[in-house]
Amino acid sequence: MLEPGDVCAATDVRAGLLNAEIPAPSDTAVLCIRRTVDDLGPADLWELARGTAMTRDDLLRGAAAVLAEEDPGAGDLLDELAVHTLAQEVAERSPCHWGRDHTEVVRAALYRILADLADALLEVSESTPTPLDWTVHDSGERYAATAAGGGVTYDVLVQIAQNAPPAAAPVWHHPARPAWQWRITSGPADCASRSCAPFPSALAARHAAECAITALTAGRCGL
């Protein structure tokens, strides 16, 4: 399936320009992020920042990036107080009172947040997912399934992550969401197992578990 960033290159190929280059998945993700974020004004940037549970550390990194771009020679001498002041102004002001620098701080922070998310999605999508027939337990707090491959039966469990480190508090109110994990076992309860966490949603954890099953049944990894 073509990604959004591939469309122009694919059109060139169909037109006979066979030397056209289709971006790699990571390059495509960057293009999509920039095209999305660059078109947003202050109010929409704030909505997206709130929706991604942007933290104060995210804002500080965004402020540092903006100030470094304005003064490339600062390097390690970048004024830490200026970074904290700029980030604090973004947190305290309404988007309608943001100046250019405030808007660019949030934009830069969103680039990083969304790029990190894209990297995580690409990482768990390295294998084609094996569709599993999930059974829901505990009102949606656990999902269970079984899979078979190579003469081995695997039990798959997706649930809220146990002892997951607490997430940093967002700058703007955002409903708390639990982290999720998957666990795959084979044989008796004390037999081999593999688990992975955290994931931001049950959907992401189920997808990652299905990718792991593909890798296991193909013999590319073991429990």
C-alpha atoms as a PDB file:
ATOM      1  CA  MET A   1       0.000   0.000   0.000  1.00  0.00           C
ATOM      2  CA  LEU A   2       1.329   3.431  -0.898  1.00  0.00           C
ATOM      3  CA  GLU A   3       1.869   5.913   1.891  1.00  0.00           C
ATOM      4  CA  PRO A   4       0.677   9.554   1.448  1.00  0.00           C
ATOM      5  CA  GLY A   5       4.182  10.785   0.759  1.00  0.00           C
ATOM      6  CA  ASP A   6       4.604   8.267  -2.072  1.00  0.00           C
ATOM      7  CA  VAL A   7       1.835   9.608  -4.308  1.00  0.00           C
ATOM      8  CA  CYS A   8       3.834  12.107  -6.382  1.00  0.00           C
ATOM      9  CA  ALA A   9       6.662   9.639  -6.964  1.00  0.00           C
ATOM     10  CA  ALA A  10       4.204   6.893  -7.916  1.00  0.00           C
ATOM     11  CA  THR A  11       2.506   9.249 -10.398  1.00  0.00           C
ATOM     12  CA  ASP A  12       5.885   9.945 -12.010  1.00  0.00           C
ATOM     13  CA  VAL A  13       6.547   6.213 -12.309  1.00  0.00           C
ATOM     14  CA  ARG A  14       3.205   5.621 -14.019  1.00  0.00           C
ATOM     15  CA  ALA A  15       4.018   8.495 -16.377  1.00  0.00           C
ATOM     16  CA  GLY A  16       7.171   6.683 -17.456  1.00  0.00           C
ATOM     17  CA  LEU A  17       9.714   8.562 -15.334  1.00  0.00           C
ATOM     18  CA  LEU A  18      11.264   5.393 -14.003  1.00  0.00           C
ATOM     19  CA  ASN A  19      14.077   7.157 -12.177  1.00  0.00           C
ATOM     20  CA  ALA A  20      11.628   8.650  -9.677  1.00  0.00           C
ATOM     21  CA  GLU A  21      12.476   7.758  -6.082  1.00  0.00           C
ATOM     22  CA  ILE A  22       9.767   6.620  -3.665  1.00  0.00           C
ATOM     23  CA  PRO A  23      10.670   7.665  -0.100  1.00  0.00           C
ATOM     24  CA  ALA A  24      11.518   5.024   2.490  1.00  0.00           C
ATOM     25  CA  PRO A  25       8.863   4.556   5.227  1.00  0.00           C
ATOM     26  CA  SER A  26      10.741   6.738   7.709  1.00  0.00           C
ATOM     27  CA  ASP A  27      11.210   9.505   5.122  1.00  0.00           C
ATOM     28  CA  THR A  28       7.531   9.279   4.246  1.00  0.00           C
ATOM     29  CA  ALA A  29       6.596   9.641   7.922  1.00  0.00           C
ATOM     30  CA  VAL A  30       8.697  12.803   8.196  1.00  0.00           C
ATOM     31  CA  LEU A  31       7.045  14.292   5.110  1.00  0.00           C
ATOM     32  CA  CYS A  32       3.563  13.512   6.457  1.00  0.00           C
ATOM     33  CA  ILE A  33       4.379  15.019   9.852  1.00  0.00           C
ATOM     34  CA  ARG A  34       5.741  18.223   8.346  1.00  0.00           C
ATOM     35  CA  ARG A  35       2.821  18.602   5.944  1.00  0.00           C
ATOM     36  CA  THR A  36       0.402  18.155   8.832  1.00  0.00           C
ATOM     37  CA  VAL A  37       2.069  20.352  11.431  1.00  0.00           C
ATOM     38  CA  ASP A  38       3.278  23.156   9.143  1.00  0.00           C
ATOM     39  CA  ASP A  39      -0.274  23.980   8.048  1.00  0.00           C
ATOM     40  CA  LEU A  40      -1.633  24.454  11.579  1.00  0.00           C
ATOM     41  CA  GLY A  41      -2.213  27.794  13.257  1.00  0.00           C
ATOM     42  CA  PRO A  42      -1.792  28.452  17.014  1.00  0.00           C
ATOM     43  CA  ALA A  43      -5.227  27.168  18.071  1.00  0.00           C
ATOM     44  CA  ASP A  44      -4.898  23.913  16.118  1.00  0.00           C
ATOM     45  CA  LEU A  45      -1.309  23.449  17.275  1.00  0.00           C
ATOM     46  CA  TRP A  46      -2.519  23.769  20.870  1.00  0.00           C
ATOM     47  CA  GLU A  47      -5.264  21.193  20.282  1.00  0.00           C
ATOM     48  CA  LEU A  48      -2.755  18.733  18.802  1.00  0.00           C
ATOM     49  CA  ALA A  49      -0.231  19.426  21.585  1.00  0.00           C
ATOM     50  CA  ARG A  50      -2.912  18.778  24.196  1.00  0.00           C
ATOM     51  CA  GLY A  51      -4.043  15.638  22.373  1.00  0.00           C
ATOM     52  CA  THR A  52      -0.500  14.236  22.400  1.00  0.00           C
ATOM     53  CA  ALA A  53      -0.178  14.947  26.151  1.00  0.00           C
ATOM     54  CA  MET A  54       2.777  17.272  25.549  1.00  0.00           C
ATOM     55  CA  THR A  55       4.959  17.557  28.651  1.00  0.00           C
ATOM     56  CA  ARG A  56       7.108  20.373  29.995  1.00  0.00           C
ATOM     57  CA  ASP A  57      10.217  18.499  28.851  1.00  0.00           C
ATOM     58  CA  ASP A  58       8.759  18.427  25.325  1.00  0.00           C
ATOM     59  CA  LEU A  59       8.287  22.195  25.483  1.00  0.00           C
ATOM     60  CA  LEU A  60      11.833  22.713  26.766  1.00  0.00           C
ATOM     61  CA  ARG A  61      13.244  20.702  23.859  1.00  0.00           C
ATOM     62  CA  GLY A  62      11.107  22.707  21.442  1.00  0.00           C
ATOM     63  CA  ALA A  63      12.261  26.004  22.965  1.00  0.00           C
ATOM     64  CA  ALA A  64      15.906  24.910  22.804  1.00  0.00           C
ATOM     65  CA  ALA A  65      15.504  23.988  19.128  1.00  0.00           C
ATOM     66  CA  VAL A  66      13.914  27.346  18.272  1.00  0.00           C
ATOM     67  CA  LEU A  67      16.522  29.408  20.129  1.00  0.00           C
ATOM     68  CA  ALA A  68      19.380  27.361  18.660  1.00  0.00           C
ATOM     69  CA  GLU A  69      18.017  27.978  15.160  1.00  0.00           C
ATOM     70  CA  GLU A  70      17.844  31.711  15.830  1.00  0.00           C
ATOM     71  CA  ASP A  71      21.433  31.720  17.145  1.00  0.00           C
ATOM     72  CA  PRO A  72      23.279  28.759  15.576  1.00  0.00           C
ATOM     73  CA  GLY A  73      26.577  29.840  17.114  1.00  0.00           C
ATOM     74  CA  ALA A  74      25.304  29.507  20.665  1.00  0.00           C
ATOM     75  CA  GLY A  75      25.849  25.763  20.837  1.00  0.00           C
ATOM     76  CA  ASP A  76      26.561  24.624  24.384  1.00  0.00           C
ATOM     77  CA  LEU A  77      26.414  28.248  25.527  1.00  0.00           C
ATOM     78  CA  LEU A  78      22.688  28.402  24.813  1.00  0.00           C
ATOM     79  CA  ASP A  79      21.103  30.414  27.620  1.00  0.00           C
ATOM     80  CA  GLU A  80      19.223  27.863  29.741  1.00  0.00           C
ATOM     81  CA  LEU A  81      17.218  30.601  31.399  1.00  0.00           C
ATOM     82  CA  ALA A  82      15.957  31.825  28.009  1.00  0.00           C
ATOM     83  CA  VAL A  83      14.859  28.289  27.140  1.00  0.00           C
ATOM     84  CA  HIS A  84      12.918  27.910  30.398  1.00  0.00           C
ATOM     85  CA  THR A  85      11.394  31.369  30.066  1.00  0.00           C
ATOM     86  CA  LEU A  86      10.188  30.745  26.519  1.00  0.00           C
ATOM     87  CA  ALA A  87       8.728  27.344  27.434  1.00  0.00           C
ATOM     88  CA  GLN A  88       7.009  28.845  30.484  1.00  0.00           C
ATOM     89  CA  GLU A  89       5.426  31.580  28.362  1.00  0.00           C
ATOM     90  CA  VAL A  90       3.998  28.959  25.999  1.00  0.00           C
ATOM     91  CA  ALA A  91       2.530  27.006  28.919  1.00  0.00           C
ATOM     92  CA  GLU A  92       0.967  30.030  30.583  1.00  0.00           C
ATOM     93  CA  ARG A  93      -0.392  31.979  27.603  1.00  0.00           C
ATOM     94  CA  SER A  94      -3.524  31.288  25.636  1.00  0.00           C
ATOM     95  CA  PRO A  95      -2.788  30.298  22.005  1.00  0.00           C
ATOM     96  CA  CYS A  96      -4.415  33.536  20.842  1.00  0.00           C
ATOM     97  CA  HIS A  97      -1.640  35.394  22.687  1.00  0.00           C
ATOM     98  CA  TRP A  98       1.253  33.338  21.329  1.00  0.00           C
ATOM     99  CA  GLY A  99       3.889  35.136  19.316  1.00  0.00           C
ATOM    100  CA  ARG A 100       5.852  33.629  16.455  1.00  0.00           C
ATOM    101  CA  ASP A 101       8.456  32.071  18.765  1.00  0.00           C
ATOM    102  CA  HIS A 102       5.799  30.500  20.980  1.00  0.00           C
ATOM    103  CA  THR A 103       4.106  28.928  17.972  1.00  0.00           C
ATOM    104  CA  GLU A 104       7.411  27.609  16.660  1.00  0.00           C
ATOM    105  CA  VAL A 105       8.238  26.073  20.055  1.00  0.00           C
ATOM    106  CA  VAL A 106       5.054  23.993  19.976  1.00  0.00           C
ATOM    107  CA  ARG A 107       5.618  23.126  16.311  1.00  0.00           C
ATOM    108  CA  ALA A 108       9.177  21.936  17.029  1.00  0.00           C
ATOM    109  CA  ALA A 109       8.010  19.905  20.027  1.00  0.00           C
ATOM    110  CA  LEU A 110       5.274  18.270  17.941  1.00  0.00           C
ATOM    111  CA  TYR A 111       7.813  17.301  15.265  1.00  0.00           C
ATOM    112  CA  ARG A 112       9.720  15.322  17.876  1.00  0.00           C
ATOM    113  CA  ILE A 113       6.675  13.743  19.543  1.00  0.00           C
ATOM    114  CA  LEU A 114       5.139  12.615  16.258  1.00  0.00           C
ATOM    115  CA  ALA A 115       8.490  11.422  14.895  1.00  0.00           C
ATOM    116  CA  ASP A 116       9.007   9.307  18.022  1.00  0.00           C
ATOM    117  CA  LEU A 117       5.526   7.852  17.580  1.00  0.00           C
ATOM    118  CA  ALA A 118       6.192   7.121  13.900  1.00  0.00           C
ATOM    119  CA  ASP A 119       9.455   5.377  14.796  1.00  0.00           C
ATOM    120  CA  ALA A 120       7.627   3.202  17.329  1.00  0.00           C
ATOM    121  CA  LEU A 121       4.925   2.284  14.822  1.00  0.00           C
ATOM    122  CA  LEU A 122       7.513   1.420  12.157  1.00  0.00           C
ATOM    123  CA  GLU A 123       9.437  -0.676  14.660  1.00  0.00           C
ATOM    124  CA  VAL A 124       6.452  -2.811  15.672  1.00  0.00           C
ATOM    125  CA  SER A 125       5.391  -3.103  12.029  1.00  0.00           C
ATOM    126  CA  GLU A 126       8.611  -4.770  10.861  1.00  0.00           C
ATOM    127  CA  SER A 127       6.662  -8.010  10.408  1.00  0.00           C
ATOM    128  CA  THR A 128       3.323  -8.409   8.687  1.00  0.00           C
ATOM    129  CA  PRO A 129       0.807  -8.909  11.523  1.00  0.00           C
ATOM    130  CA  THR A 130      -0.868 -12.294  11.865  1.00  0.00           C
ATOM    131  CA  PRO A 131      -4.603 -11.674  12.411  1.00  0.00           C
ATOM    132  CA  LEU A 132      -5.681 -13.215  15.715  1.00  0.00           C
ATOM    133  CA  ASP A 133      -9.165 -13.941  17.037  1.00  0.00           C
ATOM    134  CA  TRP A 134      -9.093 -11.857  20.222  1.00  0.00           C
ATOM    135  CA  THR A 135     -11.377 -12.581  23.170  1.00  0.00           C
ATOM    136  CA  VAL A 136     -12.160  -9.646  25.462  1.00  0.00           C
ATOM    137  CA  HIS A 137     -12.024 -10.089  29.247  1.00  0.00           C
ATOM    138  CA  ASP A 138     -12.570  -7.844  32.274  1.00  0.00           C
ATOM    139  CA  SER A 139     -14.612  -5.232  30.386  1.00  0.00           C
ATOM    140  CA  GLY A 140     -11.845  -4.557  27.893  1.00  0.00           C
ATOM    141  CA  GLU A 141      -8.896  -4.621  30.304  1.00  0.00           C
ATOM    142  CA  ARG A 142      -7.499  -7.894  28.909  1.00  0.00           C
ATOM    143  CA  TYR A 143      -7.412  -9.483  25.464  1.00  0.00           C
ATOM    144  CA  ALA A 144      -6.489 -13.136  24.872  1.00  0.00           C
ATOM    145  CA  ALA A 145      -5.830 -15.193  21.753  1.00  0.00           C
ATOM    146  CA  THR A 146      -4.046 -18.340  20.583  1.00  0.00           C
ATOM    147  CA  ALA A 147      -1.845 -18.881  17.549  1.00  0.00           C
ATOM    148  CA  ALA A 148      -0.160 -21.908  16.032  1.00  0.00           C
ATOM    149  CA  GLY A 149       2.878 -22.266  13.810  1.00  0.00           C
ATOM    150  CA  GLY A 150       5.633 -24.795  13.255  1.00  0.00           C
ATOM    151  CA  GLY A 151       3.849 -27.313  15.429  1.00  0.00           C
ATOM    152  CA  VAL A 152       3.844 -24.929  18.401  1.00  0.00           C
ATOM    153  CA  THR A 153       0.813 -23.327  20.042  1.00  0.00           C
ATOM    154  CA  TYR A 154       1.214 -19.851  21.506  1.00  0.00           C
ATOM    155  CA  ASP A 155      -0.994 -18.171  24.093  1.00  0.00           C
ATOM    156  CA  VAL A 156      -1.149 -14.400  23.654  1.00  0.00           C
ATOM    157  CA  LEU A 157      -2.287 -11.971  26.335  1.00  0.00           C
ATOM    158  CA  VAL A 158      -2.635  -8.196  26.043  1.00  0.00           C
ATOM    159  CA  GLN A 159      -3.349  -6.291  29.241  1.00  0.00           C
ATOM    160  CA  ILE A 160      -2.667  -3.067  31.120  1.00  0.00           C
ATOM    161  CA  ALA A 161       1.050  -2.966  31.865  1.00  0.00           C
ATOM    162  CA  GLN A 162       2.027  -3.972  35.380  1.00  0.00           C
ATOM    163  CA  ASN A 163       4.445  -1.665  37.237  1.00  0.00           C
ATOM    164  CA  ALA A 164       4.701   0.656  34.234  1.00  0.00           C
ATOM    165  CA  PRO A 165       6.627   3.838  35.084  1.00  0.00           C
ATOM    166  CA  PRO A 166       4.287   6.805  35.611  1.00  0.00           C
ATOM    167  CA  ALA A 167       4.030   9.105  32.633  1.00  0.00           C
ATOM    168  CA  ALA A 168       5.180  12.699  32.956  1.00  0.00           C
ATOM    169  CA  ALA A 169       2.362  15.144  33.655  1.00  0.00           C
ATOM    170  CA  PRO A 170       1.144  16.950  30.522  1.00  0.00           C
ATOM    171  CA  VAL A 171       1.353  20.745  30.314  1.00  0.00           C
ATOM    172  CA  TRP A 172      -2.341  20.996  29.462  1.00  0.00           C
ATOM    173  CA  HIS A 173      -5.007  18.737  30.973  1.00  0.00           C
ATOM    174  CA  HIS A 174      -5.172  15.391  29.246  1.00  0.00           C
ATOM    175  CA  PRO A 175      -7.127  12.314  30.389  1.00  0.00           C
ATOM    176  CA  ALA A 176      -4.792   9.707  31.854  1.00  0.00           C
ATOM    177  CA  ARG A 177      -4.419   6.607  29.686  1.00  0.00           C
ATOM    178  CA  PRO A 178      -2.872   3.365  30.933  1.00  0.00           C
ATOM    179  CA  ALA A 179       0.112   1.753  29.264  1.00  0.00           C
ATOM    180  CA  TRP A 180      -0.394  -1.703  27.730  1.00  0.00           C
ATOM    181  CA  GLN A 181       1.793  -4.763  27.267  1.00  0.00           C
ATOM    182  CA  TRP A 182       1.682  -8.063  25.418  1.00  0.00           C
ATOM    183  CA  ARG A 183       2.862 -11.442  26.672  1.00  0.00           C
ATOM    184  CA  ILE A 184       3.299 -14.633  24.634  1.00  0.00           C
ATOM    185  CA  THR A 185       3.758 -18.050  26.270  1.00  0.00           C
ATOM    186  CA  SER A 186       3.984 -21.595  25.029  1.00  0.00           C
ATOM    187  CA  GLY A 187       3.272 -24.758  27.012  1.00  0.00           C
ATOM    188  CA  PRO A 188       2.808 -24.850  30.799  1.00  0.00           C
ATOM    189  CA  ALA A 189       2.741 -21.645  32.817  1.00  0.00           C
ATOM    190  CA  ASP A 190       6.408 -22.060  33.792  1.00  0.00           C
ATOM    191  CA  CYS A 191       7.492 -22.588  30.200  1.00  0.00           C
ATOM    192  CA  ALA A 192       9.136 -20.102  27.813  1.00  0.00           C
ATOM    193  CA  SER A 193       7.586 -16.672  27.463  1.00  0.00           C
ATOM    194  CA  ARG A 194       8.237 -13.277  25.933  1.00  0.00           C
ATOM    195  CA  SER A 195       6.683  -9.911  26.772  1.00  0.00           C
ATOM    196  CA  CYS A 196       6.974  -6.304  25.717  1.00  0.00           C
ATOM    197  CA  ALA A 197       5.742  -2.961  27.099  1.00  0.00           C
ATOM    198  CA  PRO A 198       4.684  -0.225  27.202  1.00  0.00           C
ATOM    199  CA  PHE A 199       2.306   0.611  24.375  1.00  0.00           C
ATOM    200  CA  PRO A 200      -0.004   3.643  24.386  1.00  0.00           C
ATOM    201  CA  SER A 201      -3.175   1.667  23.666  1.00  0.00           C
ATOM    202  CA  ALA A 202      -4.612  -1.847  23.563  1.00  0.00           C
ATOM    203  CA  LEU A 203      -4.811  -1.547  19.771  1.00  0.00           C
ATOM    204  CA  ALA A 204      -1.086  -0.808  19.487  1.00  0.00           C
ATOM    205  CA  ALA A 205      -0.224  -3.677  21.858  1.00  0.00           C
ATOM    206  CA  ARG A 206      -2.427  -6.132  19.932  1.00  0.00           C
ATOM    207  CA  HIS A 207      -0.840  -5.043  16.649  1.00  0.00           C
ATOM    208  CA  ALA A 208       2.661  -5.490  18.085  1.00  0.00           C
ATOM    209  CA  ALA A 209       1.730  -8.935  19.453  1.00  0.00           C
ATOM    210  CA  GLU A 210       0.431  -9.995  16.039  1.00  0.00           C
ATOM    211  CA  CYS A 211       3.711  -8.847  14.458  1.00  0.00           C
ATOM    212  CA  ALA A 212       5.635 -10.831  17.086  1.00  0.00           C
ATOM    213  CA  ILE A 213       3.614 -13.954  16.311  1.00  0.00           C
ATOM    214  CA  THR A 214       4.563 -13.611  12.647  1.00  0.00           C
ATOM    215  CA  ALA A 215       8.250 -13.426  13.584  1.00  0.00           C
ATOM    216  CA  LEU A 216       7.942 -16.410  15.940  1.00  0.00           C
ATOM    217  CA  THR A 217       6.139 -18.681  13.496  1.00  0.00           C
ATOM    218  CA  ALA A 218       8.619 -17.732  10.765  1.00  0.00           C
ATOM    219  CA  GLY A 219      11.488 -18.753  13.028  1.00  0.00           C
ATOM    220  CA  ARG A 220      13.063 -15.296  13.104  1.00  0.00           C
ATOM    221  CA  CYS A 221      13.056 -15.205  16.920  1.00  0.00           C
ATOM    222  CA  GLY A 222      12.173 -17.423  19.847  1.00  0.00           C
ATOM    223  CA  LEU A 223      10.597 -17.181  23.273  1.00  0.00           C
END
